[in-house]
Protein backbone atom coordinates (compact mmCIF):
# COMPACT_ATOMS: atom_id res chain seq x y z
CA MET A 1 78.64 89.49 63.74
CA ARG A 2 78.14 86.05 63.29
CA LYS A 3 77.68 86.58 59.51
CA VAL A 4 80.86 88.37 59.37
CA GLY A 5 82.77 85.63 61.02
CA ALA A 6 80.91 83.00 58.63
CA ILE A 7 82.41 85.08 55.79
CA ARG A 8 85.76 85.20 57.30
CA ALA A 9 85.60 80.95 57.95
CA ILE A 10 84.69 80.52 54.14
CA ARG A 11 87.65 82.73 52.69
CA LEU A 12 90.28 81.07 54.93
CA LYS A 13 88.99 77.69 54.15
CA LYS A 14 89.42 79.15 50.13
CA LEU A 15 92.65 80.37 50.93
CA ARG A 16 94.04 77.33 52.49
CA GLU A 17 92.37 74.71 49.60
CA ARG A 18 94.25 76.94 47.27
CA SER A 19 97.67 77.42 48.62
CA PRO A 20 99.15 76.05 52.03
CA HIS A 21 100.71 78.33 54.80
CA VAL A 22 104.30 79.25 54.38
CA ARG A 23 105.29 81.42 57.15
CA HIS A 24 104.24 84.59 59.17
CA GLU A 25 105.45 88.01 58.66
CA PRO A 26 105.10 91.55 59.76
CA CYS A 27 101.80 93.18 58.00
CA PRO A 28 102.43 96.28 56.33
CA GLY A 29 98.96 97.46 56.65
CA CYS A 30 98.30 97.22 60.41
CA GLY A 31 101.61 97.05 61.33
CA SER A 32 101.53 93.85 63.34
CA ARG A 33 104.85 91.61 63.76
CA ASP A 34 103.43 88.59 62.85
CA ASN A 35 99.64 88.24 61.95
CA LEU A 36 100.28 88.14 58.24
CA SER A 37 100.25 84.52 56.69
CA ARG A 38 102.33 84.45 53.67
CA ARG A 39 100.93 81.43 51.33
CA ALA A 40 102.72 79.27 48.85
CA ASP A 41 101.12 81.08 46.06
CA GLY A 42 102.63 84.45 47.12
CA SER A 43 99.43 85.88 48.36
CA SER A 44 98.68 86.88 52.09
CA TYR A 45 96.13 87.06 54.72
CA CYS A 46 96.55 89.38 58.05
CA PHE A 47 94.65 87.84 61.04
CA GLY A 48 94.68 91.32 62.37
CA CYS A 49 93.19 93.83 60.06
CA LEU A 50 91.75 91.04 58.15
CA GLU A 51 93.09 92.20 54.57
CA TRP A 52 93.76 89.71 51.77
CA LYS A 53 95.94 90.52 48.93
CA PRO A 54 96.94 88.23 46.03
CA GLY A 55 100.20 86.99 45.13
CA ASP A 56 102.72 88.87 42.68
CA GLY A 57 102.85 86.20 40.29
CA ASN A 58 106.43 84.81 42.28
CA PRO A 59 105.70 81.81 44.36
CA VAL A 60 107.27 81.22 47.67
CA GLU A 61 108.51 77.96 47.96
CA MET A 62 108.38 75.58 50.94
CA GLU A 63 110.92 73.06 51.84
CA LYS A 64 110.58 70.18 49.70
CA THR A 65 108.45 67.53 51.05
CA VAL A 66 110.38 64.21 51.19
CA LYS A 67 109.32 60.47 52.36
CA ASP A 68 113.07 59.05 53.62
CA GLY A 69 113.96 61.86 55.59
CA SER A 70 116.82 63.01 53.53
CA ASP A 71 115.82 66.53 53.79
CA PHE A 72 115.13 66.97 57.26
CA ILE A 73 117.57 69.54 59.15
CA HIS A 74 119.61 68.34 61.55
CA GLY A 75 120.39 70.37 64.73
CA VAL A 76 121.62 70.27 68.40
CA TYR A 77 119.94 70.36 71.97
CA ALA A 78 120.42 73.69 73.77
CA ALA A 79 118.97 75.92 76.25
CA LEU A 80 117.07 78.88 75.05
CA GLU A 81 118.13 81.24 77.29
CA ASN A 82 116.47 84.40 76.53
CA ARG A 83 113.27 82.05 76.45
CA LYS A 84 113.86 80.56 79.70
CA LEU A 85 113.59 76.99 78.59
CA THR A 86 116.31 74.45 79.46
CA ARG A 87 118.01 72.00 77.70
CA GLU A 88 116.22 69.29 79.14
CA THR A 89 112.78 70.76 77.95
CA CYS A 90 114.00 71.34 74.68
CA GLU A 91 115.19 67.86 74.19
CA ALA A 92 112.08 66.02 75.87
CA TRP A 93 110.36 68.20 72.84
CA GLY A 94 112.56 67.47 70.09
CA TYR A 95 113.20 70.95 69.74
CA GLN A 96 116.76 71.74 68.39
CA VAL A 97 118.94 74.85 67.14
CA ASN A 98 121.20 74.74 63.86
CA HIS A 99 123.73 77.27 64.46
CA GLU A 100 125.39 77.23 60.70
CA ARG A 101 121.98 78.04 59.20
CA GLY A 102 120.90 80.29 62.27
CA CYS A 103 117.72 78.77 62.61
CA GLN A 104 115.43 76.46 65.36
CA ILE A 105 113.84 73.50 64.58
CA ALA A 106 110.51 71.99 65.71
CA ASN A 107 110.55 68.45 65.13
CA TYR A 108 106.52 67.20 64.38
CA ARG A 109 106.35 63.29 65.05
CA ASP A 110 102.99 61.27 64.86
CA THR A 111 101.46 59.59 67.48
CA LYS A 112 103.87 56.89 67.21
CA GLY A 113 106.73 58.81 67.51
CA GLU A 114 107.48 59.15 63.81
CA LEU A 115 109.39 62.31 62.52
CA VAL A 116 106.90 63.73 59.90
CA ALA A 117 107.80 67.28 59.58
CA GLN A 118 109.62 70.08 60.76
CA LYS A 119 108.86 73.81 61.29
CA VAL A 120 111.92 75.95 60.97
CA ARG A 121 112.42 79.26 62.57
CA ARG A 122 114.58 82.03 61.34
CA ALA A 123 115.41 85.23 62.62
CA GLY A 124 112.57 88.05 62.74
CA LYS A 125 109.91 85.55 63.24
CA LYS A 126 110.22 83.96 59.69
CA PHE A 127 108.96 80.27 59.00
CA SER A 128 109.04 77.50 57.00
CA CYS A 129 108.51 74.03 56.82
CA VAL A 130 110.07 70.53 55.93
CA ASN A 131 107.32 68.22 54.93
CA GLY A 132 104.53 70.60 56.01
CA SER A 133 101.06 70.76 55.52
CA LYS A 134 97.89 72.28 56.74
CA ASP A 135 97.14 68.44 58.16
CA MET A 136 100.16 68.44 60.45
CA PRO A 137 99.76 66.60 63.94
CA LEU A 138 99.48 68.90 67.05
CA TYR A 139 102.95 69.85 67.91
CA GLY A 140 103.77 67.42 71.19
CA MET A 141 101.13 64.83 70.45
CA TRP A 142 103.41 62.13 70.57
CA ARG A 143 104.57 62.75 74.05
CA ALA A 144 101.16 63.68 75.40
CA GLY A 145 99.59 61.02 77.87
CA GLY A 146 97.28 60.44 80.32
CA ASP A 147 93.51 61.61 79.78
CA LEU A 148 92.83 64.40 82.38
CA SER A 149 93.56 67.58 81.08
CA VAL A 150 95.28 69.07 77.73
CA VAL A 151 96.55 72.68 77.20
CA ILE A 152 96.46 73.83 73.89
CA THR A 153 98.99 76.75 72.93
CA GLU A 154 99.22 78.63 69.73
CA GLY A 155 103.18 77.84 69.33
CA GLU A 156 106.13 75.61 70.06
CA ILE A 157 107.78 77.97 72.49
CA ASP A 158 104.84 78.51 74.68
CA ALA A 159 103.72 74.82 74.85
CA MET A 160 107.50 74.23 76.28
CA SER A 161 106.81 76.69 78.50
CA VAL A 162 103.66 75.11 80.07
CA SER A 163 105.28 71.70 79.84
CA GLN A 164 108.24 73.04 81.75
CA ALA A 165 106.26 74.92 84.21
CA PHE A 166 104.59 71.50 85.23
CA ARG A 167 107.89 69.51 84.99
CA HIS A 168 106.60 67.90 81.96
CA LYS A 169 103.80 65.95 84.17
CA TYR A 170 100.79 67.33 82.02
CA ALA A 171 99.68 66.86 78.36
CA VAL A 172 100.63 70.03 76.43
CA VAL A 173 100.47 70.39 72.30
CA SER A 174 100.50 73.80 70.28
CA LEU A 175 98.72 74.47 67.11
CA PRO A 176 100.82 73.52 64.17
CA ASN A 177 99.90 76.72 61.96
CA GLY A 178 98.90 79.16 64.50
CA ALA A 179 95.66 80.82 65.33
CA GLY A 180 94.50 81.54 61.65
CA ASP A 181 93.90 77.45 61.29
CA ALA A 182 93.15 76.90 65.06
CA ALA A 183 89.68 75.40 64.42
CA TYR A 184 90.84 73.63 61.42
CA SER A 185 93.50 72.11 63.61
CA CYS A 186 91.15 71.23 66.44
CA GLN A 187 88.58 69.83 64.65
CA LEU A 188 91.02 67.75 62.56
CA HIS A 189 92.29 66.12 65.84
CA TYR A 190 88.90 66.43 67.35
CA GLU A 191 89.22 62.25 68.46
CA TRP A 192 92.38 62.64 69.91
CA LEU A 193 91.50 65.73 72.06
CA SER A 194 87.85 64.12 72.94
CA ARG A 195 89.95 61.86 75.13
CA PHE A 196 90.83 64.37 77.82
CA LYS A 197 88.40 65.55 80.45
CA LYS A 198 89.39 69.31 80.48
CA ILE A 199 91.00 71.31 77.46
CA VAL A 200 92.66 74.46 78.47
CA LEU A 201 93.10 76.89 75.44
CA MET A 202 95.87 79.42 76.21
CA PHE A 203 96.37 81.21 73.40
CA ASP A 204 97.85 84.77 72.85
CA GLN A 205 95.88 87.78 74.64
CA ASP A 206 95.77 89.77 71.45
CA GLU A 207 92.51 90.18 69.25
CA PRO A 208 93.29 87.37 66.75
CA GLY A 209 94.57 84.97 69.71
CA ARG A 210 90.80 85.49 71.52
CA LYS A 211 89.00 85.19 68.56
CA ALA A 212 90.80 81.74 67.61
CA ALA A 213 90.18 80.57 71.17
CA GLU A 214 86.34 81.45 70.83
CA GLN A 215 86.40 79.79 67.24
CA ALA A 216 88.48 76.68 68.58
CA ALA A 217 86.00 76.07 71.25
CA ALA A 218 83.22 75.95 69.37
CA VAL A 219 84.35 72.62 67.63
CA LEU A 220 85.57 71.14 70.41
CA PRO A 221 83.79 68.88 73.08
CA MET A 222 81.22 70.86 74.58
CA GLY A 223 81.60 71.31 78.15
CA ARG A 224 85.34 70.47 78.44
CA VAL A 225 86.84 73.48 77.00
CA HIS A 226 88.35 76.11 79.52
CA ILE A 227 89.82 79.36 77.78
CA ALA A 228 92.94 80.80 80.06
CA VAL A 229 93.19 84.28 80.48
CA LEU A 230 96.78 85.32 80.97
CA PRO A 231 98.11 88.31 82.67
CA ARG A 232 100.70 88.80 79.77
CA LYS A 233 100.75 88.10 76.20
CA ASP A 234 101.47 84.42 76.04
CA ALA A 235 102.51 81.84 77.84
CA ASN A 236 106.52 82.12 77.21
CA GLU A 237 106.12 86.09 78.25
CA ILE A 238 104.82 84.78 81.85
CA LEU A 239 107.71 82.27 82.21
CA VAL A 240 110.16 84.86 81.23
CA HIS A 241 108.69 87.43 83.41
CA ASP A 242 106.71 86.01 86.24
CA GLY A 243 108.26 82.32 86.53
CA SER A 244 106.69 78.97 86.61
CA ALA A 245 104.60 79.43 89.65
CA ALA A 246 102.58 82.25 87.77
CA LEU A 247 102.04 80.12 84.72
CA VAL A 248 100.78 77.33 87.04
CA ASP A 249 98.48 79.68 88.63
CA ALA A 250 97.22 80.54 85.32
CA PHE A 251 96.39 77.39 84.19
CA TRP A 252 94.55 76.44 87.47
CA LYS A 253 92.62 79.63 87.03
CA ALA A 254 91.44 78.50 83.65
CA ALA A 255 90.76 74.77 84.68
CA ASN A 256 88.64 75.51 87.46
CA ALA A 257 86.59 78.31 85.92
CA PRO A 258 83.33 77.11 84.35
CA PRO A 259 83.68 75.50 81.17
CA TRP A 260 83.51 77.63 77.98
CA ARG A 261 79.71 78.15 76.58
CA PRO A 262 78.50 79.85 73.41
CA ASP A 263 77.29 83.58 73.51
CA GLY A 264 73.99 83.93 74.88
CA ILE A 265 73.46 80.94 77.00
CA ILE A 266 72.54 81.53 80.56
CA ASP A 267 72.04 78.93 83.31
CA GLY A 268 68.88 79.28 85.14
CA SER A 269 70.91 79.21 88.63
CA GLU A 270 72.47 82.46 87.46
CA ILE A 271 69.42 84.38 87.23
CA THR A 272 68.82 86.59 90.51
CA VAL A 273 65.39 86.93 92.17
CA ASP A 274 66.20 90.67 91.56
CA ASP A 275 66.32 89.99 87.60
CA LEU A 276 63.08 88.37 88.08
CA GLN A 277 61.51 91.32 90.18
CA GLN A 278 62.77 93.85 87.84
CA GLU A 279 60.01 95.92 86.30
CA GLN A 280 59.55 96.32 82.20
CA SER A 281 60.52 100.23 81.36
CA PRO A 282 57.09 101.65 81.14
CA GLY A 283 56.44 102.72 77.36
CA TYR A 284 55.91 106.28 76.35
CA GLU A 285 52.27 107.58 76.59
CA LEU A 286 50.55 107.87 73.34
CA VAL A 287 48.96 111.51 74.18
CA GLY A 288 45.81 112.21 72.38
CA THR A 289 45.10 108.23 71.30
CA PRO A 290 43.73 106.67 74.93
CA GLU A 291 42.40 103.39 73.37
CA LEU A 292 45.63 102.73 71.44
CA GLN A 293 47.62 104.11 74.41
CA GLU A 294 45.67 100.82 76.67
CA MET A 295 46.13 98.39 73.83
CA LEU A 296 49.78 98.87 73.27
CA MET A 297 50.51 100.75 76.95
CA GLY A 298 52.71 103.21 74.95
CA LEU A 299 55.87 103.01 72.37
CA ARG A 300 59.05 101.38 73.75
CA LYS A 301 62.71 101.91 72.62
CA ASN A 302 64.30 98.60 71.49
CA GLU A 303 60.64 97.89 69.49
CA LEU A 304 60.27 97.89 65.99
CA THR A 305 56.55 99.42 65.06
CA LEU A 306 55.24 99.36 61.54
CA ILE A 307 52.42 101.59 60.55
CA THR A 308 50.33 100.64 57.36
CA ALA A 309 47.59 101.90 55.55
CA GLY A 310 46.25 102.60 51.68
CA SER A 311 48.11 105.05 49.43
CA GLY A 312 47.02 108.59 50.52
CA ILE A 313 45.15 107.60 53.51
CA GLY A 314 47.73 109.31 56.00
CA LYS A 315 50.81 107.18 57.06
CA SER A 316 53.38 110.01 56.61
CA THR A 317 51.37 112.72 58.05
CA TRP A 318 50.47 110.28 61.22
CA ALA A 319 54.12 109.05 61.70
CA ARG A 320 55.24 113.10 61.96
CA GLN A 321 52.39 113.46 64.75
CA LEU A 322 53.61 110.55 66.80
CA ALA A 323 57.04 111.75 66.46
CA TYR A 324 56.26 115.31 67.31
CA MET A 325 53.80 113.82 70.49
CA LEU A 326 57.03 111.92 71.17
CA GLN A 327 59.31 114.91 71.38
CA GLN A 328 56.99 117.51 72.75
CA SER A 329 55.38 114.97 75.51
CA HIS A 330 58.39 113.35 76.57
CA GLY A 331 61.35 115.37 75.53
CA LEU A 332 62.87 112.72 73.18
CA LYS A 333 65.22 113.36 70.48
CA ILE A 334 63.78 111.99 66.89
CA GLY A 335 65.64 111.06 63.93
CA ASN A 336 63.59 111.35 60.64
CA VAL A 337 64.30 109.30 57.36
CA PHE A 338 61.84 110.38 54.98
CA LEU A 339 62.91 108.57 51.82
CA GLU A 340 60.14 110.16 49.43
CA GLU A 341 60.10 113.87 50.15
CA GLN A 342 63.21 116.25 50.90
CA TYR A 343 64.33 117.08 54.59
CA ARG A 344 63.08 120.96 54.28
CA LYS A 345 59.68 119.40 53.73
CA THR A 346 59.93 117.12 56.70
CA ALA A 347 61.07 119.71 58.86
CA LYS A 348 58.45 122.39 57.56
CA ALA A 349 55.77 120.03 58.29
CA TYR A 350 56.83 119.73 62.08
CA VAL A 351 56.66 123.88 62.06
CA ALA A 352 53.20 123.37 60.79
CA LEU A 353 51.87 120.81 63.50
CA HIS A 354 53.48 123.13 65.91
CA HIS A 355 51.44 125.97 64.91
CA SER A 356 48.36 123.99 63.79
CA VAL A 357 48.31 125.02 60.07
CA PRO A 358 48.16 122.57 57.38
CA LEU A 359 51.25 121.73 55.79
CA SER A 360 49.63 121.90 52.21
CA LYS A 361 48.71 125.69 53.01
CA LEU A 362 51.87 126.44 54.63
CA ARG A 363 53.80 125.39 51.66
CA ALA A 364 51.60 127.50 49.27
CA ASP A 365 52.09 130.60 51.28
CA ARG A 366 54.77 130.82 53.97
CA SER A 367 53.39 134.19 55.16
CA LEU A 368 50.78 132.23 57.01
CA LEU A 369 53.64 132.39 60.06
CA THR A 370 55.67 134.87 60.58
CA ARG A 371 59.56 134.72 60.57
CA GLU A 372 59.43 134.69 64.55
CA GLN A 373 57.07 131.90 64.74
CA PHE A 374 59.17 129.86 62.01
CA ALA A 375 61.95 130.51 64.60
CA GLU A 376 60.02 129.63 67.44
CA ALA A 377 59.22 125.97 66.15
CA LYS A 378 62.71 125.66 64.99
CA ALA A 379 63.93 126.21 68.81
CA ALA A 380 61.09 124.01 70.31
CA VAL A 381 60.83 121.16 67.77
CA ILE A 382 63.23 120.83 65.23
CA ASP A 383 66.66 121.73 67.27
CA HIS A 384 65.74 118.41 69.00
CA MET A 385 65.32 116.25 65.99
CA CYS A 386 67.62 115.15 63.22
CA PHE A 387 67.14 114.63 59.26
CA TYR A 388 68.73 112.51 56.59
CA ASN A 389 68.76 114.72 53.26
CA HIS A 390 68.16 111.76 50.99
CA PHE A 391 65.28 111.24 48.16
CA GLY A 392 64.82 107.88 46.75
CA SER A 393 65.97 104.09 47.38
CA LEU A 394 68.77 103.64 49.55
CA GLU A 395 70.99 100.48 49.95
CA GLN A 396 70.60 98.34 52.90
CA ALA A 397 74.57 98.96 54.21
CA ASN A 398 74.15 102.86 53.55
CA LEU A 399 70.90 102.79 55.52
CA PHE A 400 72.36 101.20 58.38
CA ALA A 401 75.07 103.41 58.69
CA LYS A 402 72.97 106.18 58.64
CA LEU A 403 70.36 104.58 61.46
CA ARG A 404 73.68 103.81 63.55
CA TYR A 405 74.70 107.53 63.31
CA MET A 406 71.51 108.88 64.51
CA ALA A 407 71.11 106.44 67.53
CA THR A 408 74.80 106.34 68.61
CA VAL A 409 76.37 109.78 67.69
CA GLN A 410 72.89 112.01 67.80
CA LYS A 411 71.41 110.01 70.52
CA CYS A 412 68.26 109.66 69.05
CA ASP A 413 65.40 107.87 71.06
CA PHE A 414 63.03 106.86 68.19
CA ILE A 415 63.70 107.03 64.30
CA ILE A 416 61.12 107.37 61.61
CA LEU A 417 61.90 105.17 58.48
CA ASP A 418 59.09 106.12 55.61
CA HIS A 419 59.04 103.39 54.03
CA ILE A 420 60.48 100.41 53.90
CA SER A 421 59.81 99.28 50.47
CA ILE A 422 61.69 102.15 49.13
CA VAL A 423 64.98 100.61 51.11
CA THR A 424 64.57 97.44 48.49
CA SER A 425 63.06 98.98 45.72
CA GLY A 426 66.61 99.80 43.87
CA MET A 427 67.62 96.06 44.21
CA GLU A 428 64.50 94.73 43.37
CA SER A 429 64.34 92.22 40.36
CA SER A 430 60.97 90.10 40.83
CA SER A 431 58.64 89.75 43.71
CA GLU A 432 60.77 87.03 45.06
CA GLY A 433 63.70 89.18 44.85
CA GLU A 434 61.88 92.02 46.85
CA ARG A 435 60.67 89.28 49.61
CA LYS A 436 64.23 88.08 50.09
CA ASP A 437 65.54 91.95 50.37
CA ILE A 438 62.76 92.71 52.95
CA ASP A 439 63.44 89.50 54.77
CA ILE A 440 66.90 90.65 55.35
CA LEU A 441 66.07 93.98 56.07
CA MET A 442 63.58 93.25 58.95
CA THR A 443 65.72 90.81 60.49
CA LYS A 444 68.42 93.48 60.72
CA LEU A 445 66.00 96.08 61.96
CA SER A 446 64.79 93.81 64.51
CA SER A 447 68.33 93.56 66.05
CA PHE A 448 69.38 96.83 65.54
CA VAL A 449 66.76 98.11 67.79
CA GLN A 450 67.87 96.07 70.58
CA GLU A 451 71.48 96.60 69.83
CA VAL A 452 71.07 100.20 69.78
CA ASP A 453 68.61 101.13 72.26
CA VAL A 454 66.48 102.98 69.78
CA GLY A 455 62.74 102.89 68.98
CA ILE A 456 61.87 102.24 64.91
CA ILE A 457 58.53 103.77 63.81
CA ALA A 458 58.43 102.21 59.88
CA ILE A 459 56.18 102.74 57.30
CA VAL A 460 55.00 99.78 55.12
CA HIS A 461 52.60 99.66 52.46
CA LEU A 462 50.09 97.06 51.63
CA LYS A 463 49.70 94.55 48.76
CA ARG A 464 47.32 95.16 45.55
CA THR A 465 44.23 92.95 46.35
CA ASP A 466 40.75 92.63 45.44
CA LYS A 467 40.01 94.41 48.82
CA SER A 468 39.66 98.31 48.34
CA PHE A 469 41.88 100.13 51.28
CA ASN A 470 41.26 103.37 49.81
CA GLU A 471 37.54 102.92 50.32
CA GLY A 472 37.77 101.79 53.98
CA GLY A 473 38.87 98.02 53.58
CA LYS A 474 39.48 96.06 56.30
CA ILE A 475 43.47 95.25 56.84
CA SER A 476 45.33 92.40 58.20
CA LEU A 477 48.68 91.33 58.57
CA ASN A 478 48.38 89.31 55.74
CA ASP A 479 47.90 92.22 53.57
CA LEU A 480 51.39 93.91 54.38
CA ARG A 481 53.42 93.95 51.05
CA GLY A 482 56.61 91.92 50.48
CA SER A 483 57.27 89.30 52.94
CA ALA A 484 56.23 87.09 56.11
CA ALA A 485 59.02 88.98 57.97
CA LEU A 486 57.15 92.05 58.27
CA GLU A 487 54.61 90.22 60.46
CA GLN A 488 56.77 87.88 62.16
CA LEU A 489 59.69 90.49 62.94
CA SER A 490 57.86 93.39 63.98
CA PHE A 491 56.76 94.08 67.75
CA ASN A 492 53.98 96.03 66.97
CA VAL A 493 51.65 96.74 63.69
CA ILE A 494 49.16 99.50 63.46
CA ALA A 495 46.76 100.18 60.41
CA LEU A 496 44.98 103.38 59.43
CA GLU A 497 41.54 102.40 57.72
CA ARG A 498 39.71 105.68 55.61
CA ASP A 499 37.15 105.74 52.97
CA GLN A 500 38.61 108.56 50.73
CA GLN A 501 35.39 108.05 48.59
CA ALA A 502 33.04 108.77 51.43
CA GLU A 503 30.25 111.49 51.57
CA GLY A 504 30.88 114.44 54.03
CA ASP A 505 32.61 114.51 57.10
CA THR A 506 33.06 110.71 57.23
CA ARG A 507 35.83 110.90 54.46
CA ASP A 508 38.02 112.60 56.91
CA GLN A 509 37.63 109.56 59.78
CA SER A 510 40.43 107.16 60.13
CA ILE A 511 39.98 104.10 61.96
CA ILE A 512 43.07 102.77 63.92
CA ARG A 513 43.39 99.13 63.81
CA VAL A 514 46.17 97.32 66.05
CA LEU A 515 47.06 94.15 64.20
CA LYS A 516 49.80 93.45 66.71
CA CYS A 517 51.43 94.17 69.87
CA ARG A 518 53.89 91.75 71.14
CA GLU A 519 53.93 93.41 74.48
CA THR A 520 50.36 93.30 75.51
CA GLY A 521 48.82 90.73 72.77
CA ASP A 522 45.68 93.24 72.35
CA THR A 523 44.47 93.68 68.84
CA GLY A 524 41.75 95.21 67.16
CA MET A 525 40.12 98.71 66.69
CA ALA A 526 41.26 101.57 68.58
CA ASP A 527 40.46 105.26 68.49
CA THR A 528 39.12 106.96 65.59
CA LEU A 529 41.14 110.00 64.28
CA ILE A 530 39.47 113.05 62.27
CA TYR A 531 41.44 115.09 59.97
CA ASN A 532 40.91 118.70 60.82
CA ARG A 533 41.26 120.51 57.53
CA ASN A 534 41.89 123.97 59.87
CA THR A 535 44.84 122.73 61.87
CA GLY A 536 46.42 119.85 59.75
CA TRP A 537 45.87 117.62 63.05
CA LEU A 538 44.51 114.10 63.23
CA ASN A 539 42.54 114.15 66.21
CA THR A 540 40.40 111.78 68.49
CA PRO A 541 37.05 113.35 69.57
CA LEU A 542 38.89 114.05 72.84
CA PRO A 543 41.17 117.24 72.59
CA ILE A 544 44.98 116.57 72.57
CA THR A 545 46.99 118.07 75.54
CA LEU A 546 50.89 117.91 74.88
């Protein structure tokens, strides 16, 4: 989410630098009445649906910038009856109406009281500026005294509403260019705002307003910012429908609440004894591998587990066997993303496991099992899984769309991903490029398992080194291919070691080595798996009971 926000901030900065804001308009895309910002070059950006469109070649003219004030629009002071704002309020704020031009005029003054700009509002919430810029002062700065508190609103009408509710005794200002430039305007006037002990952000209660409040709070003095939660869309609606007392009450609720703090920060006093006594959810028992079970204390959701081994050692076979065990022993739903085999092969592998038939023999001769046995395995195992129909490399954004669907819609408890390197192989341009891609992938995967409450068992390959991993070479974390993130961001790393060239039965024996377990810290050799050529199972010397 933070990455999306950063990209959006960069885009808005570029838009502001390229062309200033002229007025707000309805958005034809999302139907918003005023979220679309029209820029002087004709381009537009909607703060509701976040869509940017280039200009059509016809620039939108702003009122001419003048230094002598000759082009400033003049008006008279009058009550805004439909807004419940009195003539006295409008006069105190320099807010005028010009009946001949059919507009309202917000006079912007600097801290010395000199008129420096005007914002002109016409019917249909169409805005233009005289001498306007993105660096305009906050509306009301010239009249805001004291240092106890200040209220910041999105617009001039809301600022006058709050001021009137407090009989003009409190400092109130509004943003000159709306929610889209909230953080920029607050940062621009940081020194002036920092004199106040409390800063209350009373922005609109729509999505752009809430986002703008969070962005503005992040650039203001920490520990002083309070974000108001309003019972209506904005301050003026409260004044119109509920009166001044309701607006005053909304202010005090915000001012007396704890100050805003960034997401993820928790004060120690908020942690309860019940929180401390809460037991860790037990992992799902690894049936058939007692030593591995003791070292890992089971497999847990919200964890990223890596399985590694040399080529042809049996990584995929054991991953499917773990998935079968989790489904049969614990009734869990399994998602299968095997990128080097067709989904039918993956499904048939589970049929073979269920009936203790080697997959290679079943693929060569399907008559080893009757149709009824295929149907039995389908009902008992495959119907409780989902599969991704794909072969080959998969772009990361597309991959996460599939993983998220499996976890949130299909309600998978664990997902098998075979394998990590192939996800980035389509983008690989050099060894440095692959490392960077795997860094990004591992960061996303480690966050993903926490976000959607799913466990991922992913297969990762080994580097080409002087060690002979196909002849039983000892594997370490440094041998993982691609990136240090594989070691750093995973929860568990499990390796299989086997000498394919050994004589006799030992060539079918694989040692399980735990390279990392974040939960227990235990590492080292675990069980020995023996491949049964008659059943297709990797078993320990002890029989497996599911």
